[in-house]
Amino acid sequence: MIDQYDSMCFACGKKNPIGLKLEFKKESDCYCTVFVPREEHQGYPGLIHGGITAAILDEVCARSVFVEGIMAFTASLNIRYRKGIPIGKPVTFSSRVVKKRGRMHEIEARAVLEDGSVAAEASAKIMEALHQEVPIS
C-alpha cells in the first residue's frame, strides 16, 4: 500500500504536520481528490497559491500510476492556469492516463471548481522507476 512509505509526503502524508493530507479515490478511468484550501495556502489574498495547485496536480497525476502498483516519478509537468481558486471552497483535482509507451505514462489532469469551471489543466509524463525499490503493498 502506498501509505507505507509516504507518511511524510507533503501532499498525502498523514503524519506530516504541515501537509495537505489529501485522500484519493478512483472513479471510472479517473483518479481524483477534493481539496478545500485554507488561508495558509493562499498566494494573492483569497486565492490559493499556484504552487499548491501545482503540487496537487503533480500528486494526482503520479497517483494515477501508483494506484496500479507501479513505482514512478514525474518526468515533466506542464500547467495552464485558467482562473483563481478561492480559499474555503472545494476544488476537485482529477487525472487520467491518456497514453502509455514503454515506461512512460502520459497523464492529463485538471482542477475543477464548484461551479464546474476549470481552474487549471495539466499534462504530465510519469516515468516508471527502473527498480521497484519502495514496496507499495
N, C-alpha and C. Protein backbone atom coordinates (compact mmCIF):
# COMPACT_ATOMS: atom_id res chain seq x y z
N MET A 1 0.84 -1.18 0.00
CA MET A 1 0.00 0.00 0.00
C MET A 1 0.89 1.25 0.00
N ILE A 2 0.49 2.25 -0.74
CA ILE A 2 1.28 3.46 -0.90
C ILE A 2 1.58 4.11 0.45
N ASP A 3 0.62 4.11 1.35
CA ASP A 3 0.78 4.80 2.63
C ASP A 3 1.94 4.29 3.48
N GLN A 4 2.46 3.12 3.17
CA GLN A 4 3.57 2.57 3.95
C GLN A 4 4.82 3.43 3.84
N TYR A 5 5.03 4.10 2.72
CA TYR A 5 6.27 4.85 2.55
C TYR A 5 6.08 6.35 2.44
N ASP A 6 4.88 6.84 2.39
CA ASP A 6 4.70 8.27 2.16
C ASP A 6 4.05 9.01 3.33
N SER A 7 4.25 8.54 4.53
CA SER A 7 3.58 9.17 5.67
C SER A 7 3.99 10.63 5.86
N MET A 8 5.15 11.03 5.33
CA MET A 8 5.58 12.42 5.45
C MET A 8 5.46 13.20 4.14
N CYS A 9 4.85 12.59 3.13
CA CYS A 9 4.65 13.29 1.86
C CYS A 9 3.88 14.58 2.11
N PHE A 10 4.32 15.69 1.51
CA PHE A 10 3.64 16.96 1.70
C PHE A 10 2.20 16.90 1.21
N ALA A 11 1.95 16.21 0.12
CA ALA A 11 0.60 16.17 -0.45
C ALA A 11 -0.32 15.21 0.28
N CYS A 12 0.16 14.01 0.58
CA CYS A 12 -0.75 12.99 1.09
C CYS A 12 -0.37 12.41 2.45
N GLY A 13 0.78 12.75 2.97
CA GLY A 13 1.25 12.16 4.21
C GLY A 13 0.37 12.47 5.41
N LYS A 14 -0.09 11.44 6.07
CA LYS A 14 -0.95 11.61 7.24
C LYS A 14 -0.18 12.10 8.47
N LYS A 15 1.15 11.86 8.50
CA LYS A 15 1.95 12.27 9.65
C LYS A 15 2.67 13.60 9.44
N ASN A 16 2.51 14.20 8.29
CA ASN A 16 3.16 15.48 8.01
C ASN A 16 2.33 16.60 8.63
N PRO A 17 2.85 17.28 9.67
CA PRO A 17 2.06 18.29 10.38
C PRO A 17 1.68 19.50 9.52
N ILE A 18 2.44 19.78 8.46
CA ILE A 18 2.10 20.92 7.61
C ILE A 18 1.61 20.47 6.23
N GLY A 19 1.39 19.16 6.05
CA GLY A 19 0.98 18.62 4.76
C GLY A 19 -0.49 18.85 4.45
N LEU A 20 -0.85 18.55 3.22
CA LEU A 20 -2.22 18.73 2.74
C LEU A 20 -3.14 17.57 3.11
N LYS A 21 -2.56 16.41 3.40
CA LYS A 21 -3.31 15.21 3.83
C LYS A 21 -4.42 14.84 2.83
N LEU A 22 -4.09 14.88 1.56
CA LEU A 22 -5.05 14.55 0.51
C LEU A 22 -5.45 13.09 0.57
N GLU A 23 -6.69 12.83 0.25
CA GLU A 23 -7.19 11.46 0.13
C GLU A 23 -7.70 11.29 -1.29
N PHE A 24 -7.43 10.14 -1.87
CA PHE A 24 -7.72 9.90 -3.28
C PHE A 24 -8.72 8.77 -3.47
N LYS A 25 -9.38 8.80 -4.61
CA LYS A 25 -10.26 7.69 -4.97
C LYS A 25 -10.25 7.54 -6.48
N LYS A 26 -10.50 6.33 -6.90
CA LYS A 26 -10.57 6.05 -8.33
C LYS A 26 -12.04 6.05 -8.74
N GLU A 27 -12.34 6.78 -9.79
CA GLU A 27 -13.70 6.84 -10.34
C GLU A 27 -13.61 6.60 -11.83
N SER A 28 -14.11 5.46 -12.28
CA SER A 28 -14.07 5.10 -13.69
C SER A 28 -12.62 5.11 -14.15
N ASP A 29 -12.28 5.91 -15.16
CA ASP A 29 -10.90 5.96 -15.64
C ASP A 29 -10.12 7.14 -15.04
N CYS A 30 -10.69 7.79 -14.04
CA CYS A 30 -10.05 8.95 -13.41
C CYS A 30 -9.62 8.64 -11.98
N TYR A 31 -8.63 9.39 -11.54
CA TYR A 31 -8.18 9.32 -10.16
C TYR A 31 -8.36 10.73 -9.61
N CYS A 32 -8.95 10.88 -8.44
CA CYS A 32 -9.29 12.23 -8.00
C CYS A 32 -9.17 12.44 -6.49
N THR A 33 -9.16 13.73 -6.14
CA THR A 33 -9.17 14.17 -4.75
C THR A 33 -9.91 15.50 -4.70
N VAL A 34 -10.53 15.76 -3.57
CA VAL A 34 -11.18 17.05 -3.34
C VAL A 34 -10.40 17.76 -2.25
N PHE A 35 -10.09 19.02 -2.48
CA PHE A 35 -9.30 19.80 -1.54
C PHE A 35 -10.00 21.13 -1.28
N VAL A 36 -10.05 21.50 -0.01
CA VAL A 36 -10.58 22.81 0.37
C VAL A 36 -9.42 23.64 0.90
N PRO A 37 -8.92 24.60 0.10
CA PRO A 37 -7.78 25.41 0.53
C PRO A 37 -8.13 26.28 1.74
N ARG A 38 -7.16 26.39 2.63
CA ARG A 38 -7.32 27.25 3.81
C ARG A 38 -6.47 28.52 3.63
N GLU A 39 -6.61 29.44 4.54
CA GLU A 39 -5.90 30.73 4.45
C GLU A 39 -4.39 30.55 4.30
N GLU A 40 -3.83 29.55 4.99
CA GLU A 40 -2.38 29.35 4.91
C GLU A 40 -1.91 28.83 3.55
N HIS A 41 -2.84 28.52 2.66
CA HIS A 41 -2.50 28.05 1.32
C HIS A 41 -2.57 29.15 0.26
N GLN A 42 -2.84 30.38 0.69
CA GLN A 42 -3.06 31.43 -0.29
C GLN A 42 -1.78 32.07 -0.79
N GLY A 43 -1.91 32.61 -2.01
CA GLY A 43 -0.89 33.45 -2.62
C GLY A 43 -1.42 34.86 -2.54
N TYR A 44 -2.17 35.26 -3.58
CA TYR A 44 -2.88 36.53 -3.51
C TYR A 44 -4.01 36.39 -2.50
N PRO A 45 -4.39 37.47 -1.86
CA PRO A 45 -5.47 37.38 -0.86
C PRO A 45 -6.72 36.69 -1.41
N GLY A 46 -7.14 35.66 -0.69
CA GLY A 46 -8.37 34.96 -1.05
C GLY A 46 -8.22 33.87 -2.10
N LEU A 47 -7.02 33.70 -2.64
CA LEU A 47 -6.80 32.70 -3.69
C LEU A 47 -5.65 31.76 -3.32
N ILE A 48 -5.79 30.50 -3.69
CA ILE A 48 -4.75 29.52 -3.43
C ILE A 48 -3.47 29.89 -4.20
N HIS A 49 -2.32 29.62 -3.62
CA HIS A 49 -1.03 29.84 -4.27
C HIS A 49 -0.89 28.85 -5.43
N GLY A 50 -0.39 29.30 -6.55
CA GLY A 50 -0.23 28.44 -7.72
C GLY A 50 0.66 27.24 -7.48
N GLY A 51 1.61 27.39 -6.56
CA GLY A 51 2.50 26.27 -6.24
C GLY A 51 1.77 25.14 -5.53
N ILE A 52 0.78 25.49 -4.72
CA ILE A 52 -0.04 24.46 -4.06
C ILE A 52 -0.88 23.74 -5.11
N THR A 53 -1.46 24.52 -6.03
CA THR A 53 -2.22 23.91 -7.12
C THR A 53 -1.33 22.96 -7.91
N ALA A 54 -0.11 23.38 -8.22
CA ALA A 54 0.83 22.55 -8.97
C ALA A 54 1.17 21.27 -8.20
N ALA A 55 1.38 21.39 -6.89
CA ALA A 55 1.71 20.21 -6.08
C ALA A 55 0.57 19.19 -6.12
N ILE A 56 -0.66 19.66 -6.04
CA ILE A 56 -1.81 18.74 -6.05
C ILE A 56 -1.97 18.11 -7.43
N LEU A 57 -1.81 18.90 -8.49
CA LEU A 57 -1.88 18.35 -9.84
C LEU A 57 -0.78 17.30 -10.05
N ASP A 58 0.40 17.58 -9.58
CA ASP A 58 1.52 16.63 -9.68
C ASP A 58 1.18 15.33 -8.95
N GLU A 59 0.65 15.46 -7.75
CA GLU A 59 0.33 14.28 -6.94
C GLU A 59 -0.78 13.45 -7.58
N VAL A 60 -1.83 14.09 -8.07
CA VAL A 60 -2.94 13.32 -8.66
C VAL A 60 -2.49 12.64 -9.95
N CYS A 61 -1.55 13.25 -10.68
CA CYS A 61 -1.01 12.60 -11.89
C CYS A 61 -0.18 11.37 -11.51
N ALA A 62 0.74 11.54 -10.58
CA ALA A 62 1.59 10.41 -10.17
C ALA A 62 0.76 9.29 -9.56
N ARG A 63 -0.23 9.66 -8.77
CA ARG A 63 -1.09 8.66 -8.13
C ARG A 63 -1.87 7.83 -9.14
N SER A 64 -2.16 8.38 -10.30
CA SER A 64 -2.90 7.61 -11.30
C SER A 64 -2.07 6.44 -11.82
N VAL A 65 -0.76 6.52 -11.65
CA VAL A 65 0.13 5.40 -12.00
C VAL A 65 0.38 4.54 -10.77
N PHE A 66 0.64 5.17 -9.61
CA PHE A 66 0.88 4.43 -8.36
C PHE A 66 -0.26 3.48 -8.03
N VAL A 67 -1.50 3.90 -8.31
CA VAL A 67 -2.67 3.10 -7.95
C VAL A 67 -2.64 1.74 -8.65
N GLU A 68 -1.91 1.66 -9.75
CA GLU A 68 -1.77 0.39 -10.47
C GLU A 68 -0.63 -0.46 -9.92
N GLY A 69 -0.01 0.00 -8.81
CA GLY A 69 1.08 -0.76 -8.20
C GLY A 69 2.42 -0.51 -8.84
N ILE A 70 2.56 0.60 -9.54
CA ILE A 70 3.79 0.92 -10.26
C ILE A 70 4.51 2.08 -9.58
N MET A 71 5.75 1.87 -9.18
CA MET A 71 6.57 2.97 -8.66
C MET A 71 6.99 3.83 -9.84
N ALA A 72 6.83 5.12 -9.71
CA ALA A 72 7.14 6.03 -10.81
C ALA A 72 7.44 7.42 -10.27
N PHE A 73 7.93 8.29 -11.13
CA PHE A 73 8.23 9.67 -10.75
C PHE A 73 7.81 10.59 -11.88
N THR A 74 7.63 11.86 -11.55
CA THR A 74 7.23 12.85 -12.54
C THR A 74 8.43 13.23 -13.37
N ALA A 75 8.34 13.01 -14.68
CA ALA A 75 9.40 13.41 -15.60
C ALA A 75 9.17 14.83 -16.10
N SER A 76 7.90 15.19 -16.29
CA SER A 76 7.56 16.57 -16.67
C SER A 76 6.13 16.87 -16.25
N LEU A 77 5.90 18.14 -15.98
CA LEU A 77 4.58 18.60 -15.60
C LEU A 77 4.39 19.99 -16.19
N ASN A 78 3.37 20.14 -17.01
CA ASN A 78 3.04 21.43 -17.62
C ASN A 78 1.65 21.83 -17.17
N ILE A 79 1.52 23.07 -16.70
CA ILE A 79 0.26 23.54 -16.14
C ILE A 79 -0.20 24.80 -16.87
N ARG A 80 -1.50 24.86 -17.11
CA ARG A 80 -2.12 26.08 -17.61
C ARG A 80 -3.13 26.52 -16.57
N TYR A 81 -2.87 27.68 -15.98
CA TYR A 81 -3.79 28.24 -15.00
C TYR A 81 -4.84 29.06 -15.76
N ARG A 82 -6.11 28.78 -15.49
CA ARG A 82 -7.19 29.47 -16.20
C ARG A 82 -7.90 30.51 -15.34
N LYS A 83 -8.03 30.23 -14.04
CA LYS A 83 -8.68 31.18 -13.13
C LYS A 83 -8.24 30.87 -11.71
N GLY A 84 -8.41 31.86 -10.85
CA GLY A 84 -8.03 31.68 -9.45
C GLY A 84 -8.91 30.67 -8.73
N ILE A 85 -8.31 29.99 -7.78
CA ILE A 85 -9.05 29.04 -6.95
C ILE A 85 -9.26 29.71 -5.59
N PRO A 86 -10.52 29.94 -5.21
CA PRO A 86 -10.79 30.65 -3.96
C PRO A 86 -10.51 29.81 -2.71
N ILE A 87 -10.06 30.49 -1.67
CA ILE A 87 -9.86 29.88 -0.36
C ILE A 87 -11.24 29.51 0.21
N GLY A 88 -11.31 28.35 0.87
CA GLY A 88 -12.52 27.94 1.55
C GLY A 88 -13.56 27.23 0.71
N LYS A 89 -13.29 27.06 -0.57
CA LYS A 89 -14.26 26.39 -1.46
C LYS A 89 -13.63 25.10 -1.98
N PRO A 90 -14.41 24.01 -2.05
CA PRO A 90 -13.84 22.75 -2.53
C PRO A 90 -13.49 22.81 -4.01
N VAL A 91 -12.37 22.21 -4.34
CA VAL A 91 -11.94 22.08 -5.73
C VAL A 91 -11.60 20.60 -5.95
N THR A 92 -12.04 20.07 -7.08
CA THR A 92 -11.80 18.67 -7.41
C THR A 92 -10.65 18.58 -8.40
N PHE A 93 -9.64 17.81 -8.02
CA PHE A 93 -8.49 17.55 -8.88
C PHE A 93 -8.65 16.13 -9.41
N SER A 94 -8.55 15.96 -10.72
CA SER A 94 -8.68 14.62 -11.29
C SER A 94 -7.66 14.43 -12.39
N SER A 95 -7.30 13.16 -12.61
CA SER A 95 -6.34 12.83 -13.66
C SER A 95 -6.75 11.54 -14.33
N ARG A 96 -6.23 11.36 -15.53
CA ARG A 96 -6.44 10.10 -16.25
C ARG A 96 -5.25 9.85 -17.17
N VAL A 97 -4.94 8.58 -17.33
CA VAL A 97 -3.87 8.18 -18.23
C VAL A 97 -4.41 8.26 -19.65
N VAL A 98 -3.70 8.97 -20.52
CA VAL A 98 -4.15 9.09 -21.90
C VAL A 98 -3.32 8.24 -22.86
N LYS A 99 -2.11 7.88 -22.43
CA LYS A 99 -1.24 7.09 -23.30
C LYS A 99 -0.14 6.46 -22.47
N LYS A 100 0.29 5.28 -22.89
CA LYS A 100 1.43 4.63 -22.26
C LYS A 100 2.32 4.09 -23.36
N ARG A 101 3.59 4.49 -23.29
CA ARG A 101 4.60 3.99 -24.23
C ARG A 101 5.80 3.54 -23.42
N GLY A 102 6.06 2.26 -23.43
CA GLY A 102 7.17 1.75 -22.64
C GLY A 102 6.96 2.06 -21.18
N ARG A 103 7.94 2.73 -20.56
CA ARG A 103 7.86 3.09 -19.14
C ARG A 103 7.20 4.45 -18.92
N MET A 104 6.84 5.14 -20.00
CA MET A 104 6.30 6.50 -19.88
C MET A 104 4.77 6.48 -19.95
N HIS A 105 4.16 7.13 -18.96
CA HIS A 105 2.71 7.30 -18.91
C HIS A 105 2.41 8.77 -19.15
N GLU A 106 1.55 9.06 -20.12
CA GLU A 106 1.13 10.44 -20.36
C GLU A 106 -0.22 10.63 -19.66
N ILE A 107 -0.28 11.66 -18.84
CA ILE A 107 -1.42 11.91 -17.97
C ILE A 107 -1.99 13.29 -18.26
N GLU A 108 -3.31 13.41 -18.20
CA GLU A 108 -3.98 14.71 -18.24
C GLU A 108 -4.66 14.91 -16.90
N ALA A 109 -4.66 16.13 -16.41
CA ALA A 109 -5.30 16.42 -15.12
C ALA A 109 -5.94 17.80 -15.19
N ARG A 110 -6.84 18.02 -14.23
CA ARG A 110 -7.46 19.34 -14.14
C ARG A 110 -7.98 19.59 -12.74
N ALA A 111 -8.15 20.87 -12.46
CA ALA A 111 -8.73 21.33 -11.20
C ALA A 111 -10.05 22.00 -11.55
N VAL A 112 -11.14 21.50 -10.97
CA VAL A 112 -12.47 21.98 -11.31
C VAL A 112 -13.12 22.60 -10.07
N LEU A 113 -13.65 23.79 -10.24
CA LEU A 113 -14.32 24.50 -9.15
C LEU A 113 -15.74 23.98 -8.94
N GLU A 114 -16.35 24.41 -7.85
CA GLU A 114 -17.72 24.01 -7.50
C GLU A 114 -18.72 24.25 -8.63
N ASP A 115 -18.54 25.33 -9.37
CA ASP A 115 -19.48 25.67 -10.44
C ASP A 115 -19.23 24.90 -11.74
N GLY A 116 -18.24 24.00 -11.72
CA GLY A 116 -17.93 23.19 -12.89
C GLY A 116 -16.89 23.79 -13.82
N SER A 117 -16.45 25.01 -13.52
CA SER A 117 -15.45 25.63 -14.39
C SER A 117 -14.05 25.09 -14.08
N VAL A 118 -13.23 25.05 -15.12
CA VAL A 118 -11.88 24.53 -14.99
C VAL A 118 -10.94 25.66 -14.57
N ALA A 119 -10.28 25.48 -13.43
CA ALA A 119 -9.36 26.49 -12.91
C ALA A 119 -7.93 26.27 -13.40
N ALA A 120 -7.57 25.01 -13.63
CA ALA A 120 -6.22 24.69 -14.09
C ALA A 120 -6.24 23.36 -14.82
N GLU A 121 -5.36 23.24 -15.80
CA GLU A 121 -5.20 22.00 -16.55
C GLU A 121 -3.73 21.63 -16.54
N ALA A 122 -3.44 20.34 -16.57
CA ALA A 122 -2.05 19.90 -16.57
C ALA A 122 -1.88 18.71 -17.50
N SER A 123 -0.69 18.61 -18.03
CA SER A 123 -0.28 17.40 -18.74
C SER A 123 1.04 16.98 -18.08
N ALA A 124 1.16 15.70 -17.86
CA ALA A 124 2.35 15.19 -17.18
C ALA A 124 2.86 13.95 -17.87
N LYS A 125 4.15 13.74 -17.73
CA LYS A 125 4.77 12.48 -18.14
C LYS A 125 5.30 11.85 -16.86
N ILE A 126 4.79 10.67 -16.58
CA ILE A 126 5.17 9.94 -15.38
C ILE A 126 5.97 8.72 -15.82
N MET A 127 7.23 8.63 -15.35
CA MET A 127 8.15 7.58 -15.77
C MET A 127 8.22 6.49 -14.72
N GLU A 128 8.02 5.25 -15.16
CA GLU A 128 8.16 4.12 -14.24
C GLU A 128 9.62 4.01 -13.79
N ALA A 129 9.79 3.77 -12.50
CA ALA A 129 11.13 3.58 -11.95
C ALA A 129 11.71 2.28 -12.50
N LEU A 130 13.03 2.25 -12.66
CA LEU A 130 13.68 1.04 -13.15
C LEU A 130 13.60 -0.08 -12.13
N HIS A 131 13.72 0.28 -10.87
CA HIS A 131 13.69 -0.71 -9.81
C HIS A 131 12.56 -0.37 -8.86
N GLN A 132 11.80 -1.34 -8.52
CA GLN A 132 10.71 -1.14 -7.57
C GLN A 132 11.28 -1.20 -6.17
N GLU A 133 12.09 -0.20 -5.80
CA GLU A 133 12.82 -0.22 -4.53
C GLU A 133 11.93 0.01 -3.33
N VAL A 134 10.84 0.71 -3.48
CA VAL A 134 9.97 1.02 -2.36
C VAL A 134 8.73 0.15 -2.47
N PRO A 135 8.47 -0.70 -1.49
CA PRO A 135 7.29 -1.57 -1.58
C PRO A 135 6.00 -0.76 -1.49
N ILE A 136 5.03 -1.13 -2.31
CA ILE A 136 3.76 -0.42 -2.28
C ILE A 136 2.61 -1.32 -1.88
N SER A 137 2.91 -2.54 -1.47
CA SER A 137 1.82 -3.40 -0.98
C SER A 137 2.25 -4.14 0.25
